[in-house]
Amino acid sequence: MTDEATEPAAASKWRNLPDHLNLAIAVVSLVVALVAFWVPISMDQKAQKRERSRTCVEAVVDLRSALTSLEVGYQVAPRQKADRLADWAAGGAEIERVQVSCMNVPLSSAGSVEESKPLWEQYDTERNTAREKKPPLDVLTAIRAWTIAVISDLTR
């Protein structure tokens, strides 16, 4: 009697085995598909972050170069007003490039580009002063210090 009672239960287990096996295969397939989808997205996000940082560092280095040209211009030929105004304009263009390039880059010690707005405003003020007379070049030192902090943030 026990064999007859357990026989239908054992038969139903074996009949349900393909259904359980199909369910297990479906779950494993879903997990593999999710991992296969997530890994490339994660790698792409990391690559985008590295590219944003690289672009920001490039823009900051070019800004430093423009600031150096401006300083050297005032040391070599301070009375060449048109040349100095061109140097101020080149520096302003590099500042705009830095603002765009570093907008979505996390900066810790340097502060974000938005937090550096007073520096950019001071640069514009001194550029306007350069139209009348030789301006103080204090803003160049302040921007140079900011650029060093940015480079330090992004290259560690």
Protein backbone atom coordinates (compact mmCIF):
# COMPACT_ATOMS: atom_id res chain seq x y z
CA MET A 1 0.00 0.00 0.00
CA THR A 2 2.84 2.37 0.69
CA ASP A 3 4.38 1.70 -2.71
CA GLU A 4 1.11 2.38 -4.45
CA ALA A 5 0.59 5.62 -2.48
CA THR A 6 4.06 6.97 -3.19
CA GLU A 7 4.08 5.92 -6.83
CA PRO A 8 1.75 8.72 -8.10
CA ALA A 9 3.64 11.35 -6.03
CA ALA A 10 6.99 10.24 -7.51
CA ALA A 11 5.52 10.25 -11.01
CA SER A 12 4.21 13.80 -10.56
CA LYS A 13 7.65 14.97 -9.37
CA TRP A 14 9.26 13.62 -12.51
CA ARG A 15 6.54 15.18 -14.67
CA ASN A 16 7.16 18.62 -13.06
CA LEU A 17 10.94 18.32 -13.42
CA PRO A 18 11.04 19.83 -16.96
CA ASP A 19 8.98 22.78 -15.73
CA HIS A 20 11.37 23.36 -12.80
CA LEU A 21 14.35 22.90 -15.10
CA ASN A 22 12.94 25.44 -17.57
CA LEU A 23 12.34 27.91 -14.74
CA ALA A 24 15.91 27.46 -13.46
CA ILE A 25 17.33 27.94 -16.97
CA ALA A 26 15.20 31.07 -17.45
CA VAL A 27 16.40 32.56 -14.15
CA VAL A 28 20.05 31.81 -14.94
CA SER A 29 19.63 33.26 -18.44
CA LEU A 30 18.11 36.42 -16.98
CA VAL A 31 20.99 36.83 -14.52
CA VAL A 32 23.57 36.33 -17.28
CA ALA A 33 21.77 38.82 -19.52
CA LEU A 34 21.66 41.44 -16.75
CA VAL A 35 25.36 41.01 -16.01
CA ALA A 36 26.18 41.15 -19.73
CA PHE A 37 24.20 44.39 -19.98
CA TRP A 38 25.51 46.01 -16.76
CA VAL A 39 29.26 45.36 -17.25
CA PRO A 40 29.64 47.32 -20.53
CA ILE A 41 27.54 50.19 -19.19
CA SER A 42 29.69 50.38 -16.08
CA MET A 43 32.87 50.31 -18.16
CA ASP A 44 31.48 53.02 -20.45
CA GLN A 45 30.61 55.27 -17.51
CA LYS A 46 34.15 54.93 -16.14
CA ALA A 47 35.61 55.72 -19.57
CA GLN A 48 33.40 58.80 -19.85
CA LYS A 49 34.54 60.00 -16.42
CA ARG A 50 38.19 59.55 -17.40
CA GLU A 51 37.60 61.43 -20.66
CA ARG A 52 35.89 64.33 -18.86
CA SER A 53 38.82 64.55 -16.45
CA ARG A 54 41.35 64.41 -19.30
CA THR A 55 39.54 67.16 -21.22
CA CYS A 56 39.37 69.32 -18.11
CA VAL A 57 43.09 68.91 -17.39
CA GLU A 58 43.91 69.79 -21.01
CA ALA A 59 41.80 72.96 -20.81
CA VAL A 60 43.39 73.94 -17.49
CA VAL A 61 46.91 73.44 -18.86
CA ASP A 62 46.02 75.61 -21.88
CA LEU A 63 44.62 78.27 -19.52
CA ARG A 64 47.90 78.27 -17.61
CA SER A 65 49.73 78.75 -20.90
CA ALA A 66 47.50 81.70 -21.83
CA LEU A 67 48.08 83.27 -18.41
CA THR A 68 51.83 82.86 -18.84
CA SER A 69 51.67 84.55 -22.24
CA LEU A 70 49.77 87.44 -20.68
CA GLU A 71 52.30 87.85 -17.87
CA VAL A 72 55.28 87.61 -20.22
CA GLY A 73 53.64 90.12 -22.54
CA TYR A 74 53.44 92.67 -19.73
CA GLN A 75 57.06 91.99 -18.81
CA VAL A 76 58.42 92.23 -22.35
CA ALA A 77 56.24 94.85 -24.02
CA PRO A 78 53.80 96.41 -21.56
CA ARG A 79 53.03 99.34 -23.86
CA GLN A 80 51.82 97.19 -26.74
CA LYS A 81 48.21 97.73 -25.79
CA ALA A 82 46.67 95.86 -28.75
CA ASP A 83 48.84 92.82 -28.09
CA ARG A 84 48.00 92.84 -24.39
CA LEU A 85 44.28 93.12 -25.11
CA ALA A 86 44.63 90.16 -27.48
CA ASP A 87 46.36 88.25 -24.66
CA TRP A 88 43.49 89.12 -22.29
CA ALA A 89 40.99 87.92 -24.91
CA ALA A 90 42.90 84.66 -25.40
CA GLY A 91 42.88 84.13 -21.64
CA GLY A 92 39.15 84.83 -21.54
CA ALA A 93 38.57 82.24 -24.28
CA GLU A 94 40.57 79.68 -22.30
CA ILE A 95 38.57 80.49 -19.16
CA GLU A 96 35.36 79.81 -21.08
CA ARG A 97 36.83 76.54 -22.32
CA VAL A 98 37.72 75.55 -18.75
CA GLN A 99 34.23 76.44 -17.56
CA VAL A 100 32.67 74.17 -20.18
CA SER A 101 35.24 71.36 -19.96
CA CYS A 102 35.27 71.15 -16.18
CA MET A 103 31.57 71.67 -15.58
CA ASN A 104 30.70 68.02 -14.82
CA VAL A 105 34.01 67.06 -13.28
CA PRO A 106 34.02 66.56 -9.51
CA LEU A 107 36.63 68.85 -7.96
CA SER A 108 37.23 68.63 -4.24
CA SER A 109 40.01 70.93 -3.06
CA ALA A 110 39.78 73.36 -5.98
CA GLY A 111 36.06 73.91 -5.65
CA SER A 112 33.80 73.57 -8.63
CA VAL A 113 33.85 75.84 -11.64
CA GLU A 114 30.67 77.50 -10.36
CA GLU A 115 32.32 78.20 -7.00
CA SER A 116 35.19 79.89 -8.85
CA LYS A 117 32.88 82.46 -10.42
CA PRO A 118 34.44 85.35 -8.42
CA LEU A 119 37.80 84.54 -10.05
CA TRP A 120 36.29 84.76 -13.52
CA GLU A 121 34.53 88.02 -12.64
CA GLN A 122 37.78 89.49 -11.31
CA TYR A 123 39.50 88.44 -14.55
CA ASP A 124 36.85 90.27 -16.57
CA THR A 125 37.23 93.35 -14.36
CA GLU A 126 41.00 93.42 -14.84
CA ARG A 127 40.59 92.82 -18.58
CA ASN A 128 38.31 95.87 -18.75
CA THR A 129 40.86 97.87 -16.74
CA ALA A 130 43.53 96.86 -19.29
CA ARG A 131 41.74 98.96 -21.90
CA GLU A 132 42.60 102.09 -19.90
CA LYS A 133 45.83 101.29 -18.08
CA LYS A 134 47.98 98.41 -16.90
CA PRO A 135 45.86 96.43 -14.46
CA PRO A 136 47.08 94.66 -11.37
CA LEU A 137 47.81 91.06 -12.29
CA ASP A 138 46.73 89.59 -8.95
CA VAL A 139 43.93 87.63 -10.57
CA LEU A 140 46.46 85.71 -12.66
CA THR A 141 48.13 84.45 -9.48
CA ALA A 142 44.77 83.47 -8.01
CA ILE A 143 43.69 81.64 -11.17
CA ARG A 144 47.07 79.92 -11.38
CA ALA A 145 46.63 78.66 -7.79
CA TRP A 146 43.14 77.41 -8.67
CA THR A 147 44.50 75.59 -11.73
CA ILE A 148 47.15 73.85 -9.64
CA ALA A 149 44.43 72.62 -7.27
CA VAL A 150 42.35 71.37 -10.22
CA ILE A 151 45.27 69.50 -11.74
CA SER A 152 46.06 68.01 -8.34
CA ASP A 153 42.44 66.88 -7.90
CA LEU A 154 42.28 65.25 -11.31
CA THR A 155 45.66 63.57 -11.49
CA ARG A 156 45.78 61.74 -8.18
